[in-house]
């Protein structure tokens, strides 16, 4: 791993980098457990300046032709691809994500940038000629104004790219508040957007804590807020934004279940589950954290396959591309995940594979947690009820498919789910009836492509519209319908008191 010197991360306001704020906070490298940098936390002045810059930039940007906005977005995509190695390194340093995983994150973000580049087509409204006698009617998708995004630590590059490329392509201006735990990649990528040709003030980045979030939620100049994070915070964000008259989409937590039927290809299913449960150290809202095996025989086979394959898992520093996954984000989160496993064991779960003692000999202070497999988990256990957000896979045993589906439907979360089977009838039955927003059949991470939309059900999403894709166009615009008539100047008309039809 490269030696690093202490660096500072500030804000991007009106096209200029700002190193100031109310305080500085350390940025830790999770692979080493050492603080390598510091981030300035925005005070009231910095947040207000960012909002003001976005407000000033809005009129001209709103009136910029969609095709010109699209060309800037397309150039932004080119710069993201050209700077991929640098972005991957920044993600690794501050998040701990292995390079192959960080590159996958970036590529999925670039897909959303590419989709936003089609905005002239996406913004076309509807037109009806002669909707009435000599009357034409059409709709327009107009931008909202200043909008904001609040993004989490686990995808510091991808989640912001879910938000602002489409928002600004639609004619809005944007204020991004990324996670203060790993802000470097988000700031670097935003600077690339300016390099691509975004005018000053169209995209601004403020790093900060809950005070900065609160200011964005209550300032009248911010018209909409998009958020990704835990469910308790998502619920609070949504309530506060709505109370202040803002449009809001708030994506929350998850407890994603995979059902394994006895007819499944157990070799493929177990391999898929290992990647889905432990990839990115389980720190992703689409991670599979519960595998529901239908029947004890199926469960025994699944546990045996998983136990064997987990022996080969490689956990270590982000800088070694041979590692499968890296450390957890922080010491505090490491302790939290450990407590979940401790509690599961106390409550009666069987710890088949224990990752609590994982380490990287080269970096003994890193926040490493190995893949952990818990069998005989029941619905009353805390490890089942709550989102662990770590490399822990719970095995639950059920007698039938309907019983397994009932578990999923009864859970407070409804983000993603999948079914492993060779039975097409069972797959169709499952996908049609399950109460979850994103469903996979033999696909453990059913993350929609950029031309579809990402969003769960129940307490995994607060708001009517999902993230990115077609829903993003709807979220970042408001429909205006215009009805027009040009009456003859030679014919006088009297007043009509009937409702028009």
Protein backbone atom coordinates (compact mmCIF):
# COMPACT_ATOMS: atom_id res chain seq x y z
CA UNK A 1 0.00 0.00 0.00
CA UNK A 2 1.24 3.47 -0.86
CA UNK A 3 2.41 5.75 1.91
CA UNK A 4 0.07 8.72 2.25
CA UNK A 5 0.43 12.17 3.76
CA UNK A 6 -2.38 13.91 5.61
CA UNK A 7 -4.71 15.55 3.10
CA UNK A 8 -7.68 17.91 3.41
CA UNK A 9 -11.08 17.68 1.75
CA UNK A 10 -13.24 20.75 1.50
CA UNK A 11 -16.24 21.85 -0.53
CA UNK A 12 -17.02 22.75 -4.15
CA UNK A 13 -19.09 25.92 -4.20
CA UNK A 14 -19.80 27.99 -7.31
CA UNK A 15 -16.97 26.24 -9.15
CA UNK A 16 -14.36 26.92 -6.49
CA UNK A 17 -12.79 24.62 -3.90
CA UNK A 18 -13.26 25.89 -0.35
CA UNK A 19 -11.19 24.70 2.63
CA UNK A 20 -13.17 26.13 5.50
CA UNK A 21 -16.06 25.32 7.79
CA UNK A 22 -17.04 24.98 11.41
CA UNK A 23 -14.59 22.14 12.19
CA UNK A 24 -12.44 19.39 10.71
CA UNK A 25 -12.98 15.66 11.12
CA UNK A 26 -10.51 12.84 10.56
CA UNK A 27 -10.89 10.53 7.57
CA UNK A 28 -9.73 6.99 8.34
CA UNK A 29 -8.28 4.41 6.00
CA UNK A 30 -10.23 1.30 7.08
CA UNK A 31 -7.51 -1.01 5.76
CA UNK A 32 -4.92 0.40 8.16
CA UNK A 33 -7.10 1.89 10.89
CA UNK A 34 -5.12 5.13 10.58
CA UNK A 35 -6.33 8.66 9.87
CA UNK A 36 -4.90 9.74 6.52
CA UNK A 37 -6.89 12.91 5.95
CA UNK A 38 -9.33 15.44 7.30
CA UNK A 39 -12.60 16.79 5.96
CA UNK A 40 -13.97 20.25 6.60
CA UNK A 41 -17.49 20.12 7.99
CA UNK A 42 -19.65 22.83 6.48
CA UNK A 43 -21.15 25.41 8.77
CA UNK A 44 -24.26 27.44 8.11
CA UNK A 45 -22.34 29.86 5.87
CA UNK A 46 -20.94 27.19 3.53
CA UNK A 47 -24.30 25.47 3.07
CA UNK A 48 -26.03 28.79 2.46
CA UNK A 49 -23.36 29.78 -0.07
CA UNK A 50 -23.81 26.50 -1.96
CA UNK A 51 -27.59 26.91 -2.11
CA UNK A 52 -27.23 30.53 -3.21
CA UNK A 53 -24.77 29.56 -5.97
CA UNK A 54 -27.19 26.91 -7.22
CA UNK A 55 -30.08 29.38 -7.14
CA UNK A 56 -28.12 31.95 -9.16
CA UNK A 57 -27.11 29.37 -11.75
CA UNK A 58 -30.61 27.97 -12.21
CA UNK A 59 -32.25 30.48 -14.62
CA UNK A 60 -29.54 30.23 -17.27
CA UNK A 61 -29.13 26.47 -16.86
CA UNK A 62 -32.89 25.91 -17.02
CA UNK A 63 -32.97 27.74 -20.36
CA UNK A 64 -29.97 25.88 -21.80
CA UNK A 65 -31.13 23.58 -24.59
CA UNK A 66 -31.47 19.97 -23.44
CA UNK A 67 -29.16 18.82 -26.22
CA UNK A 68 -26.40 21.12 -24.94
CA UNK A 69 -26.91 19.84 -21.40
CA UNK A 70 -26.74 16.30 -22.76
CA UNK A 71 -23.43 16.96 -24.52
CA UNK A 72 -21.88 18.06 -21.23
CA UNK A 73 -23.18 14.89 -19.57
CA UNK A 74 -21.70 12.82 -22.39
CA UNK A 75 -18.32 14.52 -21.96
CA UNK A 76 -18.59 13.87 -18.22
CA UNK A 77 -18.93 10.15 -19.00
CA UNK A 78 -15.75 10.28 -21.07
CA UNK A 79 -13.84 11.91 -18.20
CA UNK A 80 -15.14 9.37 -15.68
CA UNK A 81 -13.86 6.54 -17.84
CA UNK A 82 -10.50 8.25 -18.38
CA UNK A 83 -10.04 8.79 -14.63
CA UNK A 84 -11.37 5.43 -13.46
CA UNK A 85 -8.09 4.31 -11.88
CA UNK A 86 -7.87 7.44 -9.75
CA UNK A 87 -11.49 7.17 -8.64
CA UNK A 88 -11.06 3.50 -7.73
CA UNK A 89 -8.00 4.36 -5.64
CA UNK A 90 -9.87 7.08 -3.75
CA UNK A 91 -12.75 4.71 -3.01
CA UNK A 92 -10.31 2.08 -1.76
CA UNK A 93 -8.38 4.46 0.50
CA UNK A 94 -11.44 5.79 2.30
CA UNK A 95 -13.96 2.96 2.06
CA UNK A 96 -11.71 -0.11 1.95
CA UNK A 97 -13.40 -1.55 -1.13
CA UNK A 98 -11.19 -3.84 -3.22
CA UNK A 99 -10.30 -2.39 -6.63
CA UNK A 100 -12.42 -4.83 -8.66
CA UNK A 101 -15.46 -4.02 -6.51
CA UNK A 102 -14.80 -0.27 -6.61
CA UNK A 103 -14.53 -0.44 -10.40
CA UNK A 104 -17.83 -2.27 -10.56
CA UNK A 105 -19.41 0.47 -8.46
CA UNK A 106 -18.04 3.15 -10.75
CA UNK A 107 -19.23 1.36 -13.90
CA UNK A 108 -22.77 1.15 -12.55
CA UNK A 109 -22.61 4.87 -11.81
CA UNK A 110 -21.37 5.59 -15.34
CA UNK A 111 -24.36 3.68 -16.72
CA UNK A 112 -26.61 6.26 -15.07
CA UNK A 113 -24.56 9.10 -16.53
CA UNK A 114 -24.96 7.51 -19.95
CA UNK A 115 -28.72 7.25 -19.49
CA UNK A 116 -28.91 10.92 -18.49
CA UNK A 117 -27.22 11.72 -21.79
CA UNK A 118 -30.45 10.76 -23.56
CA UNK A 119 -32.34 13.53 -21.78
CA UNK A 120 -33.63 15.30 -24.94
CA UNK A 121 -35.63 12.17 -25.70
CA UNK A 122 -36.65 11.62 -22.08
CA UNK A 123 -38.00 15.16 -21.65
CA UNK A 124 -40.30 15.10 -24.64
CA UNK A 125 -43.82 15.78 -23.48
CA UNK A 126 -47.21 14.92 -24.97
CA UNK A 127 -49.17 16.82 -27.61
CA UNK A 128 -52.80 16.70 -28.69
CA UNK A 129 -53.89 18.79 -31.66
CA UNK A 130 -57.57 19.79 -31.73
CA UNK A 131 -58.27 18.57 -28.24
CA UNK A 132 -61.25 20.90 -28.58
CA UNK A 133 -62.50 23.24 -31.34
CA UNK A 134 -59.31 24.95 -32.48
CA UNK A 135 -57.66 24.05 -29.14
CA UNK A 136 -54.27 22.35 -28.81
CA UNK A 137 -52.99 20.84 -25.57
CA UNK A 138 -49.52 19.74 -24.60
CA UNK A 139 -47.44 18.91 -21.54
CA UNK A 140 -43.91 19.95 -20.64
CA UNK A 141 -41.52 18.46 -18.09
CA UNK A 142 -40.01 21.48 -16.37
CA UNK A 143 -37.17 21.46 -13.82
CA UNK A 144 -37.83 22.14 -10.15
CA UNK A 145 -34.97 24.49 -9.32
CA UNK A 146 -32.36 23.82 -6.64
CA UNK A 147 -32.37 20.17 -5.55
CA UNK A 148 -30.17 18.33 -3.07
CA UNK A 149 -28.74 14.85 -2.59
CA UNK A 150 -27.59 13.25 0.66
CA UNK A 151 -25.57 10.10 0.04
CA UNK A 152 -24.13 7.24 2.16
CA UNK A 153 -20.62 5.93 2.77
CA UNK A 154 -21.08 2.52 1.16
CA UNK A 155 -21.20 3.71 -2.47
CA UNK A 156 -19.40 7.06 -2.43
CA UNK A 157 -19.15 7.24 -6.23
CA UNK A 158 -22.20 5.37 -7.51
CA UNK A 159 -25.04 6.79 -5.42
CA UNK A 160 -24.27 10.46 -6.18
CA UNK A 161 -24.21 9.42 -9.84
CA UNK A 162 -27.73 8.04 -9.36
CA UNK A 163 -28.82 11.57 -8.54
CA UNK A 164 -27.19 14.63 -9.98
CA UNK A 165 -26.49 13.61 -13.60
CA UNK A 166 -30.20 13.22 -14.30
CA UNK A 167 -31.15 16.14 -12.08
CA UNK A 168 -28.88 18.57 -13.90
CA UNK A 169 -29.65 17.03 -17.31
CA UNK A 170 -33.30 17.88 -16.61
CA UNK A 171 -32.32 21.51 -16.00
CA UNK A 172 -32.03 21.65 -12.20
CA UNK A 173 -29.05 22.82 -10.19
CA UNK A 174 -27.70 20.60 -7.43
CA UNK A 175 -26.18 20.59 -3.94
CA UNK A 176 -24.60 17.28 -2.93
CA UNK A 177 -23.87 16.35 0.69
CA UNK A 178 -21.80 13.13 0.54
CA UNK A 179 -20.79 11.00 3.51
CA UNK A 180 -18.12 12.65 5.62
CA UNK A 181 -16.53 9.22 6.15
CA UNK A 182 -15.31 8.87 2.55
CA UNK A 183 -15.81 12.18 0.70
CA UNK A 184 -12.77 12.31 -1.63
CA UNK A 185 -14.16 10.38 -4.59
CA UNK A 186 -17.43 12.33 -4.60
CA UNK A 187 -15.56 15.65 -4.64
CA UNK A 188 -13.13 14.50 -7.34
CA UNK A 189 -15.96 13.28 -9.56
CA UNK A 190 -17.85 16.55 -9.15
CA UNK A 191 -14.72 18.41 -10.26
CA UNK A 192 -14.69 16.24 -13.38
CA UNK A 193 -18.25 17.35 -14.09
CA UNK A 194 -17.09 20.97 -14.05
CA UNK A 195 -14.20 20.03 -16.33
CA UNK A 196 -16.76 18.53 -18.70
CA UNK A 197 -18.35 21.96 -19.06
CA UNK A 198 -20.90 22.44 -16.29
CA UNK A 199 -21.26 26.17 -15.56
CA UNK A 200 -20.30 27.43 -12.12
CA UNK A 201 -22.96 26.83 -9.52
CA UNK A 202 -24.83 24.10 -11.38
CA UNK A 203 -23.23 21.41 -9.20
CA UNK A 204 -22.01 22.13 -5.67
CA UNK A 205 -20.63 19.82 -2.99
CA UNK A 206 -20.73 20.52 0.73
CA UNK A 207 -19.23 18.12 3.22
CA UNK A 208 -20.81 18.16 6.62
CA UNK A 209 -22.72 16.47 9.39
CA UNK A 210 -26.36 16.41 10.49
CA UNK A 211 -26.42 20.20 10.79
CA UNK A 212 -25.71 20.55 7.07
CA UNK A 213 -28.43 18.00 6.33
CA UNK A 214 -30.91 19.88 8.49
CA UNK A 215 -30.17 23.12 6.69
CA UNK A 216 -30.75 21.54 3.28
CA UNK A 217 -34.05 20.10 4.50
CA UNK A 218 -35.41 23.36 5.85
CA UNK A 219 -34.16 25.97 3.36
CA UNK A 220 -37.07 27.11 1.18
CA UNK A 221 -34.82 27.47 -1.85
CA UNK A 222 -34.24 23.69 -1.99
CA UNK A 223 -37.20 22.19 -3.82
CA UNK A 224 -36.45 18.46 -3.59
CA UNK A 225 -34.21 16.08 -1.65
CA UNK A 226 -32.97 12.62 -2.57
CA UNK A 227 -31.51 10.46 0.20
CA UNK A 228 -29.98 7.00 0.61
CA UNK A 229 -29.16 5.61 4.06
CA UNK A 230 -30.61 3.74 7.01
CA UNK A 231 -34.36 3.44 7.55
CA UNK A 232 -34.59 5.51 10.78
CA UNK A 233 -32.78 8.41 9.12
CA UNK A 234 -34.68 7.96 5.84
CA UNK A 235 -37.96 8.22 7.72
CA UNK A 236 -36.79 11.37 9.50
CA UNK A 237 -35.48 12.92 6.26
CA UNK A 238 -38.77 12.21 4.50
CA UNK A 239 -40.91 13.63 7.31
CA UNK A 240 -38.82 16.79 7.66
CA UNK A 241 -38.65 17.43 3.92
CA UNK A 242 -42.39 17.00 3.56
CA UNK A 243 -43.07 19.27 6.51
CA UNK A 244 -41.14 21.97 4.66
CA UNK A 245 -43.00 21.46 1.39
CA UNK A 246 -40.27 19.59 -0.46
CA UNK A 247 -40.50 16.66 -2.81
CA UNK A 248 -38.53 13.77 -1.30
CA UNK A 249 -37.37 10.27 -2.09
CA UNK A 250 -35.64 8.56 0.85
CA UNK A 251 -34.21 5.10 0.36
CA UNK A 252 -33.74 3.21 3.60
CA UNK A 253 -32.44 -0.11 4.87
CA UNK A 254 -32.96 -3.71 3.85
CA UNK A 255 -33.01 -7.30 4.99
CA UNK A 256 -32.82 -9.13 1.70
CA UNK A 257 -33.85 -12.79 1.68
CA UNK A 258 -32.93 -15.46 -0.84
CA UNK A 259 -35.08 -18.57 -0.97
CA UNK A 260 -33.34 -21.79 -1.99
CA UNK A 261 -35.62 -24.58 -3.21
CA UNK A 262 -34.52 -28.24 -3.10
CA UNK A 263 -34.36 -28.40 -6.93
CA UNK A 264 -31.88 -25.49 -7.16
CA UNK A 265 -28.42 -25.94 -8.63
CA UNK A 266 -26.77 -25.95 -5.20
CA UNK A 267 -23.27 -25.34 -6.51
CA UNK A 268 -24.31 -22.22 -8.41
CA UNK A 269 -26.67 -21.06 -5.67
CA UNK A 270 -24.05 -21.30 -2.93
CA UNK A 271 -21.46 -19.47 -5.04
CA UNK A 272 -23.96 -16.74 -5.85
CA UNK A 273 -24.92 -16.37 -2.20
CA UNK A 274 -21.30 -16.01 -1.10
CA UNK A 275 -20.77 -13.13 -3.52
CA UNK A 276 -24.08 -11.50 -2.68
CA UNK A 277 -23.66 -11.80 1.09
CA UNK A 278 -19.98 -10.93 1.47
CA UNK A 279 -19.18 -8.68 -1.49
CA UNK A 280 -18.22 -5.17 -0.34
CA UNK A 281 -18.07 -6.65 3.19
CA UNK A 282 -21.86 -6.87 3.17
CA UNK A 283 -22.06 -3.07 3.31
CA UNK A 284 -24.66 -2.64 0.61
CA UNK A 285 -28.42 -2.36 0.74
CA UNK A 286 -28.83 -5.12 -1.85
CA UNK A 287 -26.67 -7.62 0.03
CA UNK A 288 -28.31 -10.99 0.68
CA UNK A 289 -28.22 -11.37 4.45
CA UNK A 290 -30.77 -14.20 4.89
CA UNK A 291 -30.94 -17.47 2.96
CA UNK A 292 -34.19 -19.35 3.52
CA UNK A 293 -33.75 -23.03 2.73
CA UNK A 294 -36.95 -24.97 2.07
CA UNK A 295 -36.66 -28.24 3.97
CA UNK A 296 -33.96 -29.50 6.34
CA UNK A 297 -32.28 -31.60 3.67
CA UNK A 298 -31.96 -28.58 1.40
CA UNK A 299 -30.64 -26.51 4.33
CA UNK A 300 -28.03 -29.11 5.26
CA UNK A 301 -26.77 -29.28 1.68
CA UNK A 302 -26.65 -25.50 1.41
CA UNK A 303 -24.79 -25.04 4.70
CA UNK A 304 -22.25 -27.72 3.74
CA UNK A 305 -21.60 -26.08 0.35
CA UNK A 306 -21.25 -22.63 1.91
CA UNK A 307 -18.97 -23.82 4.68
CA UNK A 308 -16.64 -25.48 2.20
CA UNK A 309 -16.46 -22.51 -0.18
CA UNK A 310 -16.05 -19.93 2.58
CA UNK A 311 -12.72 -21.48 3.53
CA UNK A 312 -11.23 -19.90 0.43
CA UNK A 313 -12.46 -16.35 1.10
CA UNK A 314 -9.68 -13.76 1.10
CA UNK A 315 -10.19 -10.72 3.31
CA UNK A 316 -7.63 -7.94 3.38
CA UNK A 317 -6.49 -4.50 2.30
CA UNK A 318 -8.08 -2.72 -0.65
CA UNK A 319 -4.72 -2.48 -2.41
CA UNK A 320 -4.51 -6.24 -3.04
CA UNK A 321 -6.82 -7.08 -5.97
CA UNK A 322 -6.63 -10.78 -5.08
CA UNK A 323 -8.71 -10.14 -1.97
CA UNK A 324 -12.44 -10.86 -2.20
CA UNK A 325 -13.49 -8.07 0.12
CA UNK A 326 -11.92 -5.55 2.46
CA UNK A 327 -12.49 -4.06 5.91
CA UNK A 328 -15.60 -2.54 7.40
CA UNK A 329 -15.89 1.24 7.25
CA UNK A 330 -14.98 2.05 10.87
CA UNK A 331 -13.98 0.64 14.24
CA UNK A 332 -17.40 1.50 15.63
CA UNK A 333 -19.15 -0.39 12.86
CA UNK A 334 -16.83 -3.37 13.37
CA UNK A 335 -17.88 -3.47 17.01
CA UNK A 336 -21.55 -3.25 16.01
CA UNK A 337 -21.32 -6.18 13.58
CA UNK A 338 -19.43 -8.22 16.19
CA UNK A 339 -22.18 -7.53 18.69
CA UNK A 340 -24.79 -8.88 16.28
CA UNK A 341 -22.89 -12.16 15.96
CA UNK A 342 -22.37 -12.34 19.71
CA UNK A 343 -26.08 -11.80 20.24
CA UNK A 344 -27.05 -14.41 17.65
CA UNK A 345 -24.89 -16.99 19.38
CA UNK A 346 -26.42 -16.12 22.75
CA UNK A 347 -29.93 -16.40 21.32
CA UNK A 348 -29.29 -19.90 19.97
CA UNK A 349 -27.96 -19.53 16.43
CA UNK A 350 -25.16 -21.89 15.37
CA UNK A 351 -21.98 -20.09 14.28
CA UNK A 352 -20.86 -22.36 11.45
CA UNK A 353 -18.17 -20.01 10.13
CA UNK A 354 -16.87 -17.27 12.43
CA UNK A 355 -15.34 -14.13 10.94
CA UNK A 356 -14.88 -12.16 14.16
CA UNK A 357 -11.14 -12.81 14.36
CA UNK A 358 -10.28 -11.93 10.77
CA UNK A 359 -7.17 -9.81 10.22
CA UNK A 360 -4.59 -8.75 7.70
CA UNK A 361 -1.10 -9.44 9.13
CA UNK A 362 0.31 -6.44 7.30
CA UNK A 363 -2.26 -4.08 8.81
CA UNK A 364 -3.17 -5.29 12.30
CA UNK A 365 -5.23 -2.18 13.09
CA UNK A 366 -7.54 -2.54 10.06
CA UNK A 367 -11.26 -3.10 10.57
CA UNK A 368 -11.40 -6.60 9.14
CA UNK A 369 -14.36 -8.92 9.58
CA UNK A 370 -14.45 -12.27 7.82
CA UNK A 371 -17.38 -13.97 6.19
CA UNK A 372 -19.68 -15.34 8.89
CA UNK A 373 -22.32 -18.06 8.53
CA UNK A 374 -25.11 -18.45 11.10
CA UNK A 375 -27.39 -21.50 10.95
CA UNK A 376 -30.64 -22.24 12.80
CA UNK A 377 -31.57 -18.57 12.83
CA UNK A 378 -35.17 -17.82 13.81
CA UNK A 379 -37.36 -14.80 13.23
CA UNK A 380 -37.23 -13.78 16.89
CA UNK A 381 -33.48 -13.20 16.83
CA UNK A 382 -32.06 -9.70 16.58
CA UNK A 383 -29.69 -10.81 13.81
CA UNK A 384 -32.78 -11.67 11.73
CA UNK A 385 -34.87 -8.63 12.51
CA UNK A 386 -32.28 -5.88 12.01
CA UNK A 387 -29.97 -4.90 9.19
CA UNK A 388 -26.45 -5.97 10.17
CA UNK A 389 -24.68 -4.31 7.21
CA UNK A 390 -21.70 -6.63 7.44
CA UNK A 391 -20.46 -9.95 5.98
CA UNK A 392 -22.92 -12.11 7.93
CA UNK A 393 -25.25 -14.63 6.25
CA UNK A 394 -28.14 -16.10 8.26
CA UNK A 395 -29.68 -19.46 7.38
CA UNK A 396 -33.37 -19.87 8.17
CA UNK A 397 -35.15 -23.19 7.65
CA UNK A 398 -38.75 -23.37 6.37
CA UNK A 399 -40.93 -26.34 5.41
CA UNK A 400 -42.51 -24.85 2.24
CA UNK A 401 -42.12 -22.10 -0.33
CA UNK A 402 -45.26 -20.38 0.97
CA UNK A 403 -43.84 -20.37 4.50
CA UNK A 404 -40.60 -18.86 3.20
CA UNK A 405 -42.50 -16.18 1.26
CA UNK A 406 -44.54 -15.36 4.35
CA UNK A 407 -41.31 -14.59 6.24
CA UNK A 408 -40.29 -12.13 3.57
CA UNK A 409 -43.71 -10.49 3.36
CA UNK A 410 -43.90 -10.13 7.15
CA UNK A 411 -40.54 -8.33 7.41
CA UNK A 412 -40.53 -4.55 7.74
CA UNK A 413 -38.11 -4.21 4.81
CA UNK A 414 -38.90 -4.93 1.17
CA UNK A 415 -35.87 -3.90 -0.83
CA UNK A 416 -34.62 -6.92 -2.78
CA UNK A 417 -35.11 -10.68 -2.84
CA UNK A 418 -34.38 -13.68 -5.02
CA UNK A 419 -35.31 -17.31 -5.59
CA UNK A 420 -32.99 -20.13 -6.59
CA UNK A 421 -34.85 -22.82 -8.48
CA UNK A 422 -35.15 -24.72 -11.77
CA UNK A 423 -38.95 -24.65 -11.56
CA UNK A 424 -40.45 -22.01 -13.85
CA UNK A 425 -43.88 -22.28 -12.27
CA UNK A 426 -42.45 -21.67 -8.79
CA UNK A 427 -40.43 -18.73 -10.11
CA UNK A 428 -43.48 -17.11 -11.69
CA UNK A 429 -45.53 -17.70 -8.54
CA UNK A 430 -42.80 -16.15 -6.41
CA UNK A 431 -42.09 -13.08 -8.56
CA UNK A 432 -45.80 -12.30 -8.97
CA UNK A 433 -46.77 -12.50 -5.30
CA UNK A 434 -43.75 -11.51 -3.21
CA UNK A 435 -44.08 -8.10 -1.51
CA UNK A 436 -40.65 -6.73 -2.43
CA UNK A 437 -39.62 -4.02 -4.87
CA UNK A 438 -36.74 -5.75 -6.70
CA UNK A 439 -36.88 -9.48 -7.44
CA UNK A 440 -34.32 -11.86 -8.89
CA UNK A 441 -34.75 -15.39 -10.20
CA UNK A 442 -31.38 -17.13 -9.88
CA UNK A 443 -29.99 -13.57 -9.72
CA UNK A 444 -28.96 -12.75 -6.14
CA UNK A 445 -28.46 -9.01 -6.63
CA UNK A 446 -31.37 -7.86 -8.81
CA UNK A 447 -30.13 -4.28 -9.15
CA UNK A 448 -31.99 -2.75 -12.13
CA UNK A 449 -30.04 -1.42 -15.08
CA UNK A 450 -29.96 2.35 -15.59
CA UNK A 451 -32.99 2.43 -17.89
CA UNK A 452 -35.17 0.95 -15.14
CA UNK A 453 -35.60 2.35 -11.62
CA UNK A 454 -34.17 1.26 -8.26
CA UNK A 455 -36.43 1.10 -5.25
CA UNK A 456 -37.84 -1.16 -2.57
CA UNK A 457 -41.17 -1.41 -0.80
CA UNK A 458 -42.33 -1.00 2.77
CA UNK A 459 -39.72 0.65 5.02
CA UNK A 460 -37.01 0.41 2.38
CA UNK A 461 -38.36 3.43 0.49
CA UNK A 462 -40.20 6.55 1.60
CA UNK A 463 -41.73 8.44 -1.29
CA UNK A 464 -43.64 7.65 -4.45
CA UNK A 465 -40.75 7.51 -6.91
CA UNK A 466 -37.70 5.26 -7.01
CA UNK A 467 -34.11 6.21 -7.74
CA UNK A 468 -32.59 6.73 -11.21
CA UNK A 469 -34.08 5.53 -14.49
CA UNK A 470 -37.51 6.76 -15.67
CA UNK A 471 -38.56 7.61 -12.11
CA UNK A 472 -35.65 10.05 -11.85
CA UNK A 473 -37.01 12.07 -14.77
CA UNK A 474 -40.36 12.26 -12.99
CA UNK A 475 -38.80 13.12 -9.65
CA UNK A 476 -36.58 15.93 -10.95
CA UNK A 477 -39.24 17.56 -13.13
CA UNK A 478 -42.78 18.81 -12.71
CA UNK A 479 -45.41 18.48 -15.38
CA UNK A 480 -46.99 21.61 -16.82
CA UNK A 481 -49.97 21.16 -19.15
CA UNK A 482 -50.77 24.00 -21.55
CA UNK A 483 -54.08 24.46 -23.37
CA UNK A 484 -53.98 27.01 -26.20
CA UNK A 485 -56.52 28.58 -28.52
CA UNK A 486 -56.30 31.44 -30.98
CA UNK A 487 -59.86 32.67 -31.60
CA UNK A 488 -60.75 34.58 -34.75
CA UNK A 489 -60.54 38.33 -34.36
CA UNK A 490 -63.57 38.74 -36.66
CA UNK A 491 -65.97 36.61 -34.63
CA UNK A 492 -67.22 37.87 -31.28
CA UNK A 493 -68.04 35.28 -28.64
CA UNK A 494 -70.24 35.58 -25.61
CA UNK A 495 -69.45 34.31 -22.14
CA UNK A 496 -69.99 30.59 -21.43
CA UNK A 497 -70.95 29.49 -17.93
CA UNK A 498 -70.91 25.75 -18.56
CA UNK A 499 -67.92 23.66 -17.52
CA UNK A 500 -65.80 23.17 -20.67
CA UNK A 501 -66.03 19.77 -22.31
